[in-house]
Amino acid sequence: MTQLPCLPPRPSFVCLPCRASYKQPHPARTRDGEVDRRVCPRCAGTLIHVGAAFAAPPRRDTEGWRVLSVLLHAGVRFHKSCCGGPGYRPRTLREVRERMAYAKRTGEPIATALVRPELP
């Protein structure tokens, strides 16, 4: 039995208005240094590169997509680390609110507070 070559992971791209996720080849840089723009096949809007360790919530999960929107707008992505997945990411609006209140109270950057597994 022959073994298939190990292919690089195909990162996910998300369209927040459509609540859709697409696996596409890794984005390439153009000659002027810009990253090529990915377009949503449903609405022609710009797709957001979220990383290879992303699992999209179901389309009907309004809360899950709101949490994802907060994470992406704060700059949090879902890239694989050397030990596996991307680490902790909040899944509920309650967890997001707790971490944002902690960030406001302590002055910690919001993106750092959002990925904290436990709050002190």
C-alpha atoms as a PDB file:
ATOM      1  CA  MET A   1       0.000   0.000   0.000  1.00  0.00           C
ATOM      2  CA  THR A   2       1.490   3.337  -0.988  1.00  0.00           C
ATOM      3  CA  GLN A   3       1.416   6.239   1.361  1.00  0.00           C
ATOM      4  CA  LEU A   4       0.003   9.539   0.137  1.00  0.00           C
ATOM      5  CA  PRO A   5       2.219  12.595   0.471  1.00  0.00           C
ATOM      6  CA  CYS A   6       1.465  14.891   3.372  1.00  0.00           C
ATOM      7  CA  LEU A   7      -0.277  17.921   1.938  1.00  0.00           C
ATOM      8  CA  PRO A   8      -0.206  21.278   3.689  1.00  0.00           C
ATOM      9  CA  PRO A   9      -3.455  22.092   5.503  1.00  0.00           C
ATOM     10  CA  ARG A  10      -5.955  24.175   3.579  1.00  0.00           C
ATOM     11  CA  PRO A  11      -6.887  27.165   5.712  1.00  0.00           C
ATOM     12  CA  SER A  12     -10.453  28.291   6.204  1.00  0.00           C
ATOM     13  CA  PHE A  13     -11.944  31.544   5.021  1.00  0.00           C
ATOM     14  CA  VAL A  14     -15.171  32.939   6.464  1.00  0.00           C
ATOM     15  CA  CYS A  15     -17.936  35.214   5.210  1.00  0.00           C
ATOM     16  CA  LEU A  16     -19.649  36.635   8.305  1.00  0.00           C
ATOM     17  CA  PRO A  17     -22.771  38.034   6.546  1.00  0.00           C
ATOM     18  CA  CYS A  18     -23.445  34.667   4.839  1.00  0.00           C
ATOM     19  CA  ARG A  19     -22.364  32.607   7.869  1.00  0.00           C
ATOM     20  CA  ALA A  20     -20.313  30.422   5.560  1.00  0.00           C
ATOM     21  CA  SER A  21     -16.858  28.867   5.746  1.00  0.00           C
ATOM     22  CA  TYR A  22     -14.708  27.741   2.825  1.00  0.00           C
ATOM     23  CA  LYS A  23     -11.443  25.770   2.671  1.00  0.00           C
ATOM     24  CA  GLN A  24      -9.146  27.277   0.062  1.00  0.00           C
ATOM     25  CA  PRO A  25      -5.443  27.145  -0.770  1.00  0.00           C
ATOM     26  CA  HIS A  26      -3.163  29.260   1.380  1.00  0.00           C
ATOM     27  CA  PRO A  27      -3.264  32.931   0.317  1.00  0.00           C
ATOM     28  CA  ALA A  28      -0.393  34.074  -1.882  1.00  0.00           C
ATOM     29  CA  ARG A  29       1.236  37.478  -1.923  1.00  0.00           C
ATOM     30  CA  THR A  30       1.028  39.569  -5.082  1.00  0.00           C
ATOM     31  CA  ARG A  31       4.006  41.389  -6.580  1.00  0.00           C
ATOM     32  CA  ASP A  32       3.293  44.544  -4.587  1.00  0.00           C
ATOM     33  CA  GLY A  33       3.282  42.579  -1.299  1.00  0.00           C
ATOM     34  CA  GLU A  34      -0.489  42.492  -0.815  1.00  0.00           C
ATOM     35  CA  VAL A  35      -2.294  39.240   0.002  1.00  0.00           C
ATOM     36  CA  ASP A  36      -4.700  38.155  -2.733  1.00  0.00           C
ATOM     37  CA  ARG A  37      -8.331  38.974  -1.941  1.00  0.00           C
ATOM     38  CA  ARG A  38     -10.722  36.044  -1.579  1.00  0.00           C
ATOM     39  CA  VAL A  39     -14.333  36.566  -2.607  1.00  0.00           C
ATOM     40  CA  CYS A  40     -17.421  34.874  -1.161  1.00  0.00           C
ATOM     41  CA  PRO A  41     -19.176  32.792  -3.846  1.00  0.00           C
ATOM     42  CA  ARG A  42     -22.574  33.642  -2.325  1.00  0.00           C
ATOM     43  CA  CYS A  43     -22.451  37.444  -1.822  1.00  0.00           C
ATOM     44  CA  ALA A  44     -19.166  38.521  -3.522  1.00  0.00           C
ATOM     45  CA  GLY A  45     -18.000  40.046  -0.226  1.00  0.00           C
ATOM     46  CA  THR A  46     -14.442  39.698   1.058  1.00  0.00           C
ATOM     47  CA  LEU A  47     -13.635  36.477   2.894  1.00  0.00           C
ATOM     48  CA  ILE A  48     -11.676  36.617   6.166  1.00  0.00           C
ATOM     49  CA  HIS A  49      -8.686  34.274   6.525  1.00  0.00           C
ATOM     50  CA  VAL A  50      -9.233  32.458   9.852  1.00  0.00           C
ATOM     51  CA  GLY A  51      -6.616  29.676   9.767  1.00  0.00           C
ATOM     52  CA  ALA A  52      -6.379  25.926   9.344  1.00  0.00           C
ATOM     53  CA  ALA A  53      -7.591  24.912  12.838  1.00  0.00           C
ATOM     54  CA  PHE A  54     -11.051  26.460  12.417  1.00  0.00           C
ATOM     55  CA  ALA A  55     -14.380  24.688  12.784  1.00  0.00           C
ATOM     56  CA  ALA A  56     -17.376  26.791  11.763  1.00  0.00           C
ATOM     57  CA  PRO A  57     -20.497  26.879  13.912  1.00  0.00           C
ATOM     58  CA  PRO A  58     -23.717  25.717  12.243  1.00  0.00           C
ATOM     59  CA  ARG A  59     -25.319  28.438  10.106  1.00  0.00           C
ATOM     60  CA  ARG A  60     -28.379  28.625  12.383  1.00  0.00           C
ATOM     61  CA  ASP A  61     -26.222  29.128  15.527  1.00  0.00           C
ATOM     62  CA  THR A  62     -26.645  32.905  15.866  1.00  0.00           C
ATOM     63  CA  GLU A  63     -24.735  33.130  19.150  1.00  0.00           C
ATOM     64  CA  GLY A  64     -21.795  31.132  17.779  1.00  0.00           C
ATOM     65  CA  TRP A  65     -21.477  33.446  14.772  1.00  0.00           C
ATOM     66  CA  ARG A  66     -21.698  36.537  17.006  1.00  0.00           C
ATOM     67  CA  VAL A  67     -18.874  35.155  19.179  1.00  0.00           C
ATOM     68  CA  LEU A  68     -16.857  34.391  16.034  1.00  0.00           C
ATOM     69  CA  SER A  69     -17.441  37.941  14.771  1.00  0.00           C
ATOM     70  CA  VAL A  70     -16.118  39.435  18.031  1.00  0.00           C
ATOM     71  CA  LEU A  71     -13.047  37.185  17.909  1.00  0.00           C
ATOM     72  CA  LEU A  72     -12.235  37.998  14.285  1.00  0.00           C
ATOM     73  CA  HIS A  73     -12.735  41.745  14.733  1.00  0.00           C
ATOM     74  CA  ALA A  74     -10.382  41.610  17.746  1.00  0.00           C
ATOM     75  CA  GLY A  75      -7.722  39.968  15.559  1.00  0.00           C
ATOM     76  CA  VAL A  76      -7.992  36.435  16.983  1.00  0.00           C
ATOM     77  CA  ARG A  77      -7.443  33.677  14.412  1.00  0.00           C
ATOM     78  CA  PHE A  78      -7.410  29.862  14.447  1.00  0.00           C
ATOM     79  CA  HIS A  79      -3.901  28.846  13.404  1.00  0.00           C
ATOM     80  CA  LYS A  80      -2.383  25.519  14.408  1.00  0.00           C
ATOM     81  CA  SER A  81       0.397  25.540  16.967  1.00  0.00           C
ATOM     82  CA  CYS A  82       3.264  23.096  17.353  1.00  0.00           C
ATOM     83  CA  CYS A  83       1.229  21.063  19.845  1.00  0.00           C
ATOM     84  CA  GLY A  84      -2.023  20.787  17.921  1.00  0.00           C
ATOM     85  CA  GLY A  85      -4.891  23.240  17.792  1.00  0.00           C
ATOM     86  CA  PRO A  86      -5.179  26.977  18.229  1.00  0.00           C
ATOM     87  CA  GLY A  87      -5.695  26.903  21.982  1.00  0.00           C
ATOM     88  CA  TYR A  88      -8.631  28.219  23.972  1.00  0.00           C
ATOM     89  CA  ARG A  89     -11.336  30.246  22.209  1.00  0.00           C
ATOM     90  CA  PRO A  90     -14.576  31.361  23.931  1.00  0.00           C
ATOM     91  CA  ARG A  91     -17.744  29.716  22.640  1.00  0.00           C
ATOM     92  CA  THR A  92     -20.484  31.732  24.358  1.00  0.00           C
ATOM     93  CA  LEU A  93     -21.330  35.415  24.579  1.00  0.00           C
ATOM     94  CA  ARG A  94     -21.082  35.129  28.370  1.00  0.00           C
ATOM     95  CA  GLU A  95     -17.437  34.009  28.104  1.00  0.00           C
ATOM     96  CA  VAL A  96     -16.741  36.868  25.672  1.00  0.00           C
ATOM     97  CA  ARG A  97     -18.364  39.445  27.991  1.00  0.00           C
ATOM     98  CA  GLU A  98     -16.400  38.159  30.998  1.00  0.00           C
ATOM     99  CA  ARG A  99     -13.092  38.391  29.130  1.00  0.00           C
ATOM    100  CA  MET A 100     -13.855  41.828  27.686  1.00  0.00           C
ATOM    101  CA  ALA A 101     -14.762  43.128  31.164  1.00  0.00           C
ATOM    102  CA  TYR A 102     -11.494  41.662  32.467  1.00  0.00           C
ATOM    103  CA  ALA A 103      -9.556  43.401  29.660  1.00  0.00           C
ATOM    104  CA  LYS A 104     -11.230  46.732  30.436  1.00  0.00           C
ATOM    105  CA  ARG A 105     -10.596  46.347  34.179  1.00  0.00           C
ATOM    106  CA  THR A 106      -6.922  45.353  33.865  1.00  0.00           C
ATOM    107  CA  GLY A 107      -5.872  47.163  30.694  1.00  0.00           C
ATOM    108  CA  GLU A 108      -4.898  43.889  29.003  1.00  0.00           C
ATOM    109  CA  PRO A 109      -5.380  43.920  25.198  1.00  0.00           C
ATOM    110  CA  ILE A 110      -8.781  42.497  24.221  1.00  0.00           C
ATOM    111  CA  ALA A 111      -7.278  39.889  21.855  1.00  0.00           C
ATOM    112  CA  THR A 112      -5.082  38.556  24.691  1.00  0.00           C
ATOM    113  CA  ALA A 113      -7.954  38.466  27.189  1.00  0.00           C
ATOM    114  CA  LEU A 114     -10.257  36.663  24.728  1.00  0.00           C
ATOM    115  CA  VAL A 115      -7.874  33.709  24.413  1.00  0.00           C
ATOM    116  CA  ARG A 116      -7.286  33.300  28.174  1.00  0.00           C
ATOM    117  CA  PRO A 117      -8.514  29.857  29.259  1.00  0.00           C
ATOM    118  CA  GLU A 118      -9.109  31.016  32.848  1.00  0.00           C
ATOM    119  CA  LEU A 119      -9.619  34.410  34.375  1.00  0.00           C
ATOM    120  CA  PRO A 120      -7.773  35.203  37.618  1.00  0.00           C
END
